[in-house]
N, C-alpha and C. Protein backbone atom coordinates (compact mmCIF):
# COMPACT_ATOMS: atom_id res chain seq x y z
N MET A 1 -109.18 63.42 -106.35
CA MET A 1 -109.79 62.12 -106.43
C MET A 1 -108.71 61.11 -106.41
N MET A 2 -108.81 60.23 -105.65
CA MET A 2 -107.75 59.04 -105.47
C MET A 2 -108.01 58.12 -106.63
N ASP A 3 -106.94 57.67 -107.23
CA ASP A 3 -107.10 56.70 -108.39
C ASP A 3 -106.60 55.35 -107.76
N GLU A 4 -106.84 54.22 -108.65
CA GLU A 4 -106.43 52.97 -108.20
C GLU A 4 -105.05 52.77 -107.88
N THR A 5 -104.11 53.42 -108.42
CA THR A 5 -102.64 53.34 -108.22
C THR A 5 -102.44 53.82 -106.82
N GLU A 6 -103.01 54.96 -106.54
CA GLU A 6 -102.77 55.51 -105.20
C GLU A 6 -103.44 54.73 -104.12
N PHE A 7 -104.55 54.17 -104.36
CA PHE A 7 -105.26 53.18 -103.34
C PHE A 7 -104.26 52.06 -103.07
N TRP A 8 -103.84 51.35 -104.25
CA TRP A 8 -102.92 50.21 -104.01
C TRP A 8 -101.69 50.60 -103.33
N GLY A 9 -101.11 51.78 -103.66
CA GLY A 9 -99.85 52.25 -103.00
C GLY A 9 -100.01 52.38 -101.46
N LEU A 10 -101.15 52.88 -101.06
CA LEU A 10 -101.39 52.93 -99.62
C LEU A 10 -101.44 51.54 -99.08
N VAL A 11 -102.19 50.68 -99.65
CA VAL A 11 -102.25 49.42 -99.02
C VAL A 11 -100.90 48.70 -99.12
N ASP A 12 -100.13 48.79 -100.22
CA ASP A 12 -98.82 48.22 -100.16
C ASP A 12 -97.92 48.75 -99.20
N SER A 13 -97.84 50.01 -99.13
CA SER A 13 -96.90 50.66 -98.15
C SER A 13 -97.26 50.26 -96.57
N ALA A 14 -98.48 50.14 -96.36
CA ALA A 14 -98.82 49.66 -95.04
C ALA A 14 -98.46 48.18 -94.85
N ARG A 15 -98.78 47.49 -95.79
CA ARG A 15 -98.32 46.05 -95.64
C ARG A 15 -96.89 45.87 -95.50
N GLU A 16 -95.98 46.45 -96.33
CA GLU A 16 -94.56 46.40 -96.28
C GLU A 16 -94.04 46.89 -94.89
N ALA A 17 -94.62 48.02 -94.46
CA ALA A 17 -94.13 48.48 -93.23
C ALA A 17 -94.50 47.64 -92.04
N ALA A 18 -95.48 46.86 -92.17
CA ALA A 18 -95.99 45.95 -91.19
C ALA A 18 -95.44 44.49 -91.15
N ASP A 19 -94.68 44.41 -92.13
CA ASP A 19 -93.80 43.16 -92.35
C ASP A 19 -94.71 42.01 -92.36
N GLY A 20 -95.94 42.21 -93.11
CA GLY A 20 -96.88 41.18 -93.17
C GLY A 20 -97.87 40.94 -92.03
N ASP A 21 -97.77 41.60 -90.98
CA ASP A 21 -98.66 41.41 -89.85
C ASP A 21 -99.95 42.16 -90.13
N PRO A 22 -101.09 41.44 -90.23
CA PRO A 22 -102.27 42.17 -90.65
C PRO A 22 -102.73 43.13 -89.64
N GLU A 23 -102.68 42.98 -88.46
CA GLU A 23 -103.04 43.88 -87.41
C GLU A 23 -102.31 45.17 -87.50
N ASP A 24 -100.90 45.02 -87.60
CA ASP A 24 -100.03 46.22 -87.69
C ASP A 24 -100.39 46.92 -88.89
N GLN A 25 -100.69 46.14 -90.06
CA GLN A 25 -100.91 46.81 -91.38
C GLN A 25 -102.24 47.75 -91.25
N SER A 26 -103.22 47.19 -90.41
CA SER A 26 -104.49 48.07 -90.12
C SER A 26 -104.04 49.45 -89.49
N ASP A 27 -103.35 49.27 -88.50
CA ASP A 27 -102.82 50.43 -87.60
C ASP A 27 -102.19 51.33 -88.47
N LEU A 28 -101.22 50.95 -89.27
CA LEU A 28 -100.38 51.73 -90.06
C LEU A 28 -101.23 52.45 -91.21
N LEU A 29 -102.08 51.70 -91.69
CA LEU A 29 -103.01 52.27 -92.79
C LEU A 29 -103.99 53.41 -92.05
N VAL A 30 -104.33 53.27 -90.89
CA VAL A 30 -105.08 54.28 -90.32
C VAL A 30 -104.22 55.55 -90.22
N GLU A 31 -102.95 55.32 -89.79
CA GLU A 31 -101.95 56.40 -89.61
C GLU A 31 -101.81 57.15 -90.96
N GLN A 32 -101.64 56.33 -92.02
CA GLN A 32 -101.37 56.96 -93.33
C GLN A 32 -102.61 57.72 -93.82
N LEU A 33 -103.79 57.17 -93.62
CA LEU A 33 -105.03 57.75 -94.06
C LEU A 33 -105.36 59.16 -93.17
N SER A 34 -104.98 59.09 -91.96
CA SER A 34 -105.22 60.21 -91.05
C SER A 34 -104.30 61.53 -91.55
N ARG A 35 -103.35 61.17 -92.40
CA ARG A 35 -102.53 62.32 -92.89
C ARG A 35 -103.15 62.99 -94.26
N LEU A 36 -104.15 62.28 -94.68
CA LEU A 36 -104.81 62.69 -95.87
C LEU A 36 -105.99 63.68 -95.59
N ASP A 37 -106.63 64.23 -96.59
CA ASP A 37 -107.82 65.14 -96.29
C ASP A 37 -109.09 64.09 -96.24
N PRO A 38 -110.09 64.49 -95.68
CA PRO A 38 -111.27 63.69 -95.47
C PRO A 38 -111.79 63.20 -96.91
N ASP A 39 -111.77 63.97 -97.95
CA ASP A 39 -112.26 63.49 -99.20
C ASP A 39 -111.46 62.39 -99.73
N ALA A 40 -110.00 62.41 -99.53
CA ALA A 40 -109.26 61.36 -99.93
C ALA A 40 -109.45 60.07 -99.15
N VAL A 41 -109.77 60.23 -97.89
CA VAL A 41 -110.19 59.02 -97.11
C VAL A 41 -111.57 58.46 -97.67
N LEU A 42 -112.42 59.32 -97.94
CA LEU A 42 -113.71 58.68 -98.59
C LEU A 42 -113.42 58.03 -99.91
N ASP A 43 -112.64 58.60 -100.66
CA ASP A 43 -112.12 57.95 -101.94
C ASP A 43 -111.66 56.43 -101.72
N PHE A 44 -110.65 56.39 -100.63
CA PHE A 44 -110.04 55.19 -100.26
C PHE A 44 -111.15 54.23 -99.82
N ALA A 45 -112.06 54.68 -98.94
CA ALA A 45 -113.08 53.79 -98.62
C ALA A 45 -114.00 53.22 -99.66
N ARG A 46 -114.16 54.09 -100.63
CA ARG A 46 -114.92 53.55 -101.78
C ARG A 46 -114.23 52.51 -102.52
N HIS A 47 -112.99 52.76 -102.86
CA HIS A 47 -112.03 51.66 -103.53
C HIS A 47 -112.15 50.45 -102.66
N PHE A 48 -111.99 50.57 -101.41
CA PHE A 48 -111.81 49.44 -100.50
C PHE A 48 -113.15 48.57 -100.59
N GLU A 49 -114.35 49.40 -100.33
CA GLU A 49 -115.57 48.60 -100.29
C GLU A 49 -115.97 48.05 -101.74
N ALA A 50 -115.62 48.72 -102.82
CA ALA A 50 -115.85 48.15 -104.18
C ALA A 50 -115.17 46.93 -104.33
N ARG A 51 -113.94 46.88 -103.84
CA ARG A 51 -113.08 45.51 -104.08
C ARG A 51 -113.62 44.47 -103.17
N SER A 52 -113.97 44.86 -101.96
CA SER A 52 -114.58 43.79 -101.03
C SER A 52 -115.81 43.24 -101.82
N ASN A 53 -116.63 44.09 -102.31
CA ASN A 53 -117.95 43.51 -103.09
C ASN A 53 -117.59 42.72 -104.23
N ARG A 54 -116.44 43.16 -105.04
CA ARG A 54 -116.03 42.27 -106.25
C ARG A 54 -115.63 40.98 -105.80
N ALA A 55 -115.05 40.82 -104.65
CA ALA A 55 -114.61 39.54 -104.16
C ALA A 55 -115.63 38.61 -103.47
N TYR A 56 -116.86 39.32 -103.38
CA TYR A 56 -117.89 38.42 -102.68
C TYR A 56 -118.54 37.42 -103.69
N ARG A 57 -117.82 36.44 -103.96
CA ARG A 57 -118.08 35.35 -104.89
C ARG A 57 -117.89 33.95 -104.30
N TRP A 58 -118.74 33.07 -104.64
CA TRP A 58 -118.56 31.58 -104.15
C TRP A 58 -117.28 31.01 -104.43
N ASP A 59 -116.62 31.25 -105.56
CA ASP A 59 -115.34 30.60 -105.82
C ASP A 59 -114.26 31.15 -104.83
N VAL A 60 -114.25 32.37 -104.52
CA VAL A 60 -113.25 33.14 -103.59
C VAL A 60 -113.68 32.45 -102.20
N TRP A 61 -114.82 32.50 -101.78
CA TRP A 61 -115.23 31.83 -100.64
C TRP A 61 -114.67 30.45 -100.45
N GLY A 62 -114.79 29.68 -101.59
CA GLY A 62 -114.23 28.26 -101.36
C GLY A 62 -112.75 28.30 -101.25
N ALA A 63 -112.06 29.10 -101.96
CA ALA A 63 -110.57 29.16 -101.65
C ALA A 63 -110.23 29.50 -100.21
N ALA A 64 -111.04 30.48 -99.72
CA ALA A 64 -110.75 30.90 -98.36
C ALA A 64 -111.19 29.66 -97.39
N TRP A 65 -112.20 28.81 -97.72
CA TRP A 65 -112.62 27.69 -96.97
C TRP A 65 -111.36 26.68 -96.94
N VAL A 66 -110.78 26.47 -98.07
CA VAL A 66 -109.56 25.49 -98.12
C VAL A 66 -108.45 26.07 -97.36
N LEU A 67 -108.10 27.27 -97.42
CA LEU A 67 -106.95 27.89 -96.80
C LEU A 67 -107.22 27.85 -95.19
N LEU A 68 -108.42 28.22 -94.80
CA LEU A 68 -108.70 28.31 -93.44
C LEU A 68 -109.38 27.15 -92.69
N GLY A 69 -109.82 26.17 -93.60
CA GLY A 69 -110.29 25.01 -93.00
C GLY A 69 -111.73 25.23 -92.48
N GLY A 70 -112.42 26.11 -93.20
CA GLY A 70 -113.80 26.50 -92.83
C GLY A 70 -113.92 28.08 -92.50
N VAL A 71 -115.08 28.59 -93.16
CA VAL A 71 -115.17 30.16 -93.07
C VAL A 71 -116.58 30.52 -92.99
N SER A 72 -116.97 31.13 -91.91
CA SER A 72 -118.41 31.56 -91.69
C SER A 72 -118.46 32.88 -92.60
N ASP A 73 -119.71 33.37 -92.63
CA ASP A 73 -120.04 34.57 -93.50
C ASP A 73 -119.17 35.85 -93.00
N ASP A 74 -119.10 36.05 -91.60
CA ASP A 74 -118.33 37.04 -91.13
C ASP A 74 -116.78 36.83 -91.30
N ALA A 75 -116.42 35.59 -91.12
CA ALA A 75 -115.00 35.26 -91.39
C ALA A 75 -114.61 35.49 -92.93
N PHE A 76 -115.62 35.25 -93.81
CA PHE A 76 -115.37 35.55 -95.25
C PHE A 76 -115.12 37.08 -95.48
N GLU A 77 -115.93 37.84 -94.85
CA GLU A 77 -115.71 39.27 -95.02
C GLU A 77 -114.30 39.75 -94.47
N ALA A 78 -113.91 39.07 -93.38
CA ALA A 78 -112.53 39.45 -92.78
C ALA A 78 -111.54 38.86 -93.85
N PHE A 79 -111.77 37.72 -94.45
CA PHE A 79 -110.77 37.16 -95.48
C PHE A 79 -110.76 38.16 -96.65
N ARG A 80 -111.83 38.71 -97.19
CA ARG A 80 -111.91 39.45 -98.28
C ARG A 80 -111.03 40.82 -97.90
N TYR A 81 -111.12 41.39 -96.68
CA TYR A 81 -110.32 42.42 -96.26
C TYR A 81 -108.97 42.11 -96.26
N TRP A 82 -108.55 40.94 -95.67
CA TRP A 82 -107.19 40.44 -95.74
C TRP A 82 -106.68 40.32 -97.17
N LEU A 83 -107.42 39.78 -98.11
CA LEU A 83 -107.14 39.52 -99.45
C LEU A 83 -106.70 40.96 -100.08
N ILE A 84 -107.59 42.00 -99.92
CA ILE A 84 -107.32 43.30 -100.34
C ILE A 84 -105.96 43.84 -99.80
N GLY A 85 -105.69 43.54 -98.55
CA GLY A 85 -104.53 43.94 -97.99
C GLY A 85 -103.14 43.27 -98.41
N GLN A 86 -103.37 42.10 -99.33
CA GLN A 86 -102.19 41.49 -99.83
C GLN A 86 -101.83 42.11 -101.09
N GLY A 87 -102.42 43.13 -101.52
CA GLY A 87 -102.05 43.96 -102.62
C GLY A 87 -102.72 43.58 -103.93
N ARG A 88 -102.55 44.45 -104.91
CA ARG A 88 -103.20 44.34 -106.22
C ARG A 88 -102.90 42.96 -106.84
N GLU A 89 -101.67 42.53 -107.04
CA GLU A 89 -101.36 41.37 -107.74
C GLU A 89 -102.01 40.24 -107.20
N ILE A 90 -102.05 40.01 -105.87
CA ILE A 90 -102.57 38.77 -105.27
C ILE A 90 -104.07 38.96 -105.20
N PHE A 91 -104.63 40.10 -104.99
CA PHE A 91 -106.04 40.34 -105.06
C PHE A 91 -106.67 39.94 -106.56
N GLU A 92 -106.15 40.68 -107.56
CA GLU A 92 -106.54 40.43 -108.94
C GLU A 92 -106.30 38.99 -109.38
N GLY A 93 -105.15 38.39 -108.85
CA GLY A 93 -104.92 37.03 -109.20
C GLY A 93 -105.86 36.12 -108.69
N ALA A 94 -106.41 36.37 -107.35
CA ALA A 94 -107.25 35.57 -106.65
C ALA A 94 -108.77 35.52 -107.37
N LEU A 95 -109.08 36.80 -107.93
CA LEU A 95 -110.30 36.92 -108.57
C LEU A 95 -110.28 36.24 -109.92
N HIS A 96 -109.16 36.18 -110.52
CA HIS A 96 -108.95 35.76 -111.90
C HIS A 96 -108.97 34.13 -111.71
N ASP A 97 -108.33 33.65 -110.71
CA ASP A 97 -108.23 32.22 -110.51
C ASP A 97 -108.02 31.86 -109.02
N PRO A 98 -109.05 31.69 -108.26
CA PRO A 98 -108.93 31.57 -106.80
C PRO A 98 -107.99 30.38 -106.47
N ASP A 99 -108.00 29.29 -107.21
CA ASP A 99 -106.94 28.30 -106.98
C ASP A 99 -105.55 28.75 -107.16
N GLY A 100 -105.28 29.74 -107.93
CA GLY A 100 -104.00 30.18 -108.05
C GLY A 100 -103.35 30.81 -106.86
N LEU A 101 -104.13 31.10 -105.84
CA LEU A 101 -103.55 31.61 -104.57
C LEU A 101 -102.52 30.51 -104.01
N ALA A 102 -102.66 29.27 -104.64
CA ALA A 102 -101.59 28.35 -104.08
C ALA A 102 -100.19 28.84 -104.53
N GLU A 103 -99.98 29.42 -105.74
CA GLU A 103 -98.77 30.03 -106.19
C GLU A 103 -98.49 31.39 -105.73
N LEU A 104 -99.67 32.13 -105.61
CA LEU A 104 -99.46 33.57 -105.43
C LEU A 104 -99.06 33.96 -103.86
N LEU A 105 -99.39 32.93 -102.99
CA LEU A 105 -99.12 33.26 -101.63
C LEU A 105 -97.71 32.50 -101.23
N GLU A 106 -96.87 33.48 -100.80
CA GLU A 106 -95.51 32.82 -100.34
C GLU A 106 -95.68 31.79 -99.23
N ASP A 107 -96.33 32.19 -98.19
CA ASP A 107 -96.72 31.35 -97.21
C ASP A 107 -98.02 31.81 -96.76
N PHE A 108 -98.69 30.96 -95.88
CA PHE A 108 -100.01 31.09 -95.23
C PHE A 108 -100.18 30.47 -93.91
N ASP A 109 -100.15 31.25 -92.81
CA ASP A 109 -100.33 30.67 -91.53
C ASP A 109 -101.78 31.06 -90.96
N GLU A 110 -102.60 29.95 -90.97
CA GLU A 110 -104.13 30.26 -90.68
C GLU A 110 -104.26 30.86 -89.28
N GLN A 111 -103.22 30.79 -88.46
CA GLN A 111 -103.37 31.58 -87.24
C GLN A 111 -103.25 33.21 -87.19
N VAL A 112 -102.51 33.59 -88.36
CA VAL A 112 -102.36 34.90 -88.69
C VAL A 112 -102.95 35.45 -89.84
N ASP A 113 -102.93 34.76 -90.90
CA ASP A 113 -103.25 35.19 -92.25
C ASP A 113 -104.71 34.83 -92.52
N GLY A 114 -105.34 35.61 -93.55
CA GLY A 114 -106.62 35.21 -93.92
C GLY A 114 -107.68 35.97 -93.17
N ASP A 115 -107.42 36.75 -92.23
CA ASP A 115 -108.21 37.31 -91.34
C ASP A 115 -107.80 38.77 -90.88
N CYS A 116 -108.46 39.76 -91.40
CA CYS A 116 -108.11 41.08 -90.95
C CYS A 116 -109.37 41.99 -91.09
N GLU A 117 -110.12 41.85 -90.16
CA GLU A 117 -111.37 42.60 -90.05
C GLU A 117 -111.00 44.13 -89.86
N ASP A 118 -109.98 44.40 -89.05
CA ASP A 118 -109.69 45.77 -88.82
C ASP A 118 -109.35 46.68 -90.01
N LEU A 119 -108.75 45.96 -91.04
CA LEU A 119 -108.40 46.63 -92.34
C LEU A 119 -109.61 47.21 -92.90
N GLY A 120 -110.74 46.53 -92.90
CA GLY A 120 -111.97 47.05 -93.37
C GLY A 120 -112.60 48.24 -92.72
N TYR A 121 -111.98 48.72 -91.47
CA TYR A 121 -112.47 49.71 -90.79
C TYR A 121 -111.45 50.82 -90.78
N ALA A 122 -110.32 50.59 -91.42
CA ALA A 122 -109.22 51.65 -91.34
C ALA A 122 -109.67 53.04 -91.90
N ALA A 123 -110.43 53.00 -92.81
CA ALA A 123 -110.97 54.36 -93.42
C ALA A 123 -111.99 55.10 -92.48
N ASP A 124 -112.75 54.14 -91.82
CA ASP A 124 -113.82 54.64 -90.89
C ASP A 124 -112.93 55.50 -89.69
N GLU A 125 -111.97 54.65 -89.19
CA GLU A 125 -111.27 55.25 -88.04
C GLU A 125 -110.60 56.56 -88.43
N ALA A 126 -109.79 56.50 -89.51
CA ALA A 126 -109.02 57.68 -90.10
C ALA A 126 -110.10 58.85 -90.23
N TYR A 127 -111.17 58.72 -90.88
CA TYR A 127 -112.14 59.79 -91.12
C TYR A 127 -112.73 60.33 -89.83
N GLU A 128 -112.93 59.47 -88.84
CA GLU A 128 -113.52 59.97 -87.57
C GLU A 128 -112.49 60.86 -86.94
N ARG A 129 -111.24 60.34 -87.03
CA ARG A 129 -110.12 61.18 -86.36
C ARG A 129 -110.00 62.49 -86.99
N LEU A 130 -110.11 62.58 -88.32
CA LEU A 130 -110.01 63.77 -89.10
C LEU A 130 -111.20 64.69 -88.91
N THR A 131 -112.37 64.12 -88.75
CA THR A 131 -113.52 65.04 -88.88
C THR A 131 -114.41 65.08 -87.51
N GLY A 132 -114.20 64.07 -86.71
CA GLY A 132 -115.07 63.89 -85.51
C GLY A 132 -116.37 63.31 -85.75
N ALA A 133 -116.55 62.93 -87.01
CA ALA A 133 -117.88 62.32 -87.38
C ALA A 133 -117.59 60.98 -88.13
N PRO A 134 -118.68 60.17 -87.89
CA PRO A 134 -118.58 58.83 -88.63
C PRO A 134 -118.51 59.05 -90.17
N LEU A 135 -117.79 57.99 -90.89
CA LEU A 135 -117.72 57.85 -92.28
C LEU A 135 -119.22 57.89 -92.90
N PRO A 136 -119.41 58.94 -93.64
CA PRO A 136 -120.70 58.92 -94.38
C PRO A 136 -121.05 57.75 -95.30
N GLU A 137 -122.18 57.77 -95.78
CA GLU A 137 -122.61 56.73 -96.77
C GLU A 137 -121.70 56.90 -97.96
N LEU A 138 -121.24 55.89 -98.60
CA LEU A 138 -120.24 56.01 -99.75
C LEU A 138 -120.87 56.09 -101.00
N GLY A 139 -122.23 55.82 -101.20
CA GLY A 139 -122.93 55.93 -102.42
C GLY A 139 -122.57 54.85 -103.26
N LEU A 140 -122.22 53.67 -102.95
CA LEU A 140 -121.90 52.47 -103.60
C LEU A 140 -123.13 51.58 -103.54
N PRO A 141 -123.25 50.72 -104.61
CA PRO A 141 -124.32 49.63 -104.49
C PRO A 141 -124.03 48.76 -103.22
N PRO A 142 -125.14 48.30 -102.55
CA PRO A 142 -124.95 47.59 -101.42
C PRO A 142 -124.20 46.06 -101.77
N THR A 143 -123.56 45.50 -100.87
CA THR A 143 -123.07 44.16 -101.10
C THR A 143 -124.20 43.28 -101.47
N PRO A 144 -124.00 42.42 -102.46
CA PRO A 144 -125.14 41.55 -102.88
C PRO A 144 -125.64 40.67 -101.66
N ARG A 145 -126.86 40.28 -101.80
CA ARG A 145 -127.33 39.45 -100.68
C ARG A 145 -126.73 38.04 -100.65
N GLU A 146 -126.41 37.51 -101.90
CA GLU A 146 -125.71 36.29 -101.94
C GLU A 146 -124.50 36.35 -102.76
N PRO A 147 -123.40 35.67 -102.57
CA PRO A 147 -122.21 35.80 -103.30
C PRO A 147 -122.47 35.48 -104.86
N VAL A 148 -121.78 36.06 -105.79
CA VAL A 148 -121.87 35.88 -107.14
C VAL A 148 -121.36 34.52 -107.57
N GLY A 149 -121.98 33.84 -108.49
CA GLY A 149 -121.58 32.57 -108.98
C GLY A 149 -122.31 31.36 -108.48
N GLU A 150 -121.82 30.22 -108.72
CA GLU A 150 -122.37 29.00 -108.32
C GLU A 150 -121.95 28.66 -106.91
N PRO A 151 -123.04 28.26 -106.12
CA PRO A 151 -122.67 27.83 -104.68
C PRO A 151 -121.87 26.47 -104.77
N LEU A 152 -120.93 26.28 -103.79
CA LEU A 152 -120.22 24.98 -103.64
C LEU A 152 -120.50 24.35 -102.44
N ASP A 153 -120.49 23.04 -102.36
CA ASP A 153 -120.65 22.31 -101.09
C ASP A 153 -119.40 22.33 -100.29
N PHE A 154 -119.31 23.39 -99.45
CA PHE A 154 -118.08 23.59 -98.69
C PHE A 154 -117.81 22.35 -97.66
N GLU A 155 -118.78 21.64 -97.34
CA GLU A 155 -118.65 20.49 -96.46
C GLU A 155 -118.08 19.24 -97.11
N SER A 156 -117.85 19.21 -98.43
CA SER A 156 -117.41 18.16 -99.01
C SER A 156 -115.88 18.32 -99.40
N GLU A 157 -115.10 17.56 -98.77
CA GLU A 157 -113.68 17.65 -99.08
C GLU A 157 -113.39 17.20 -100.54
N ALA A 158 -114.15 16.28 -101.05
CA ALA A 158 -113.97 15.86 -102.38
C ALA A 158 -114.26 16.96 -103.46
N VAL A 159 -115.26 17.66 -103.12
CA VAL A 159 -115.58 18.86 -103.96
C VAL A 159 -114.54 19.96 -103.93
N LEU A 160 -114.07 20.29 -102.79
CA LEU A 160 -113.15 21.34 -102.60
C LEU A 160 -111.70 20.91 -103.16
N ALA A 161 -111.54 19.61 -103.02
CA ALA A 161 -110.15 19.14 -103.54
C ALA A 161 -110.16 19.01 -105.09
N GLU A 162 -111.35 18.95 -105.76
CA GLU A 162 -111.47 18.80 -107.15
C GLU A 162 -111.47 20.21 -107.71
N ARG A 163 -112.32 21.14 -106.97
CA ARG A 163 -112.25 22.58 -107.41
C ARG A 163 -111.04 23.35 -107.22
N TYR A 164 -110.33 23.06 -106.25
CA TYR A 164 -109.17 23.81 -105.85
C TYR A 164 -107.99 22.93 -105.73
N PRO A 165 -107.55 22.17 -106.75
CA PRO A 165 -106.58 21.15 -106.58
C PRO A 165 -105.14 21.63 -106.01
N ARG A 166 -104.74 22.75 -106.53
CA ARG A 166 -103.41 23.24 -105.99
C ARG A 166 -103.44 23.82 -104.63
N LEU A 167 -104.50 24.51 -104.20
CA LEU A 167 -104.75 24.97 -102.87
C LEU A 167 -104.89 23.75 -102.01
N TRP A 168 -105.73 22.77 -102.41
CA TRP A 168 -105.85 21.63 -101.51
C TRP A 168 -104.56 20.83 -101.33
N GLU A 169 -103.75 20.69 -102.37
CA GLU A 169 -102.41 19.97 -102.33
C GLU A 169 -101.40 20.65 -101.40
N ARG A 170 -101.40 21.94 -101.57
CA ARG A 170 -100.46 22.65 -100.72
C ARG A 170 -100.85 22.93 -99.33
N PHE A 171 -102.16 23.20 -99.09
CA PHE A 171 -102.61 23.52 -97.73
C PHE A 171 -103.40 22.63 -96.89
N ARG A 172 -103.91 21.53 -97.56
CA ARG A 172 -104.74 20.51 -96.88
C ARG A 172 -104.33 19.11 -96.98
N ALA A 173 -103.62 18.75 -98.13
CA ALA A 173 -103.21 17.38 -98.18
C ALA A 173 -102.14 16.92 -97.13
């Protein structure tokens, strides 16, 4: 049974080896997971999905909106995958205080960062390589229909600047 430390260790080693490139990180994670047994890959997938669901919050979506200058539902999913890929400290920090990403992120290039859809499918790809079958149902509760928390008016720069003053100052001002 994979624990949280092992999960984050795999995420971190792939990110470090990829030198921060999200697409390379996804490929490297698939390679790492493909060296494990199928049950470990399932455990990894459960950890990943549970974290993606935890980050499905309006306040995190607002932070993504400021960083990327607008984020659709699909893009927010890719942002959550990218956020997990940044490692435990940044992920947990973002959940604790989404505006704190202004200090947690060394740099942020909206052309490269904030989007890593492939990372969300690394376990699927590795499992299929190992077994020849698609990743089975993980047995987790489904993603909520709506993000958790209070919705924000993403179209209002004033609302976003007030709610995320540090992110706004660093990335939008």
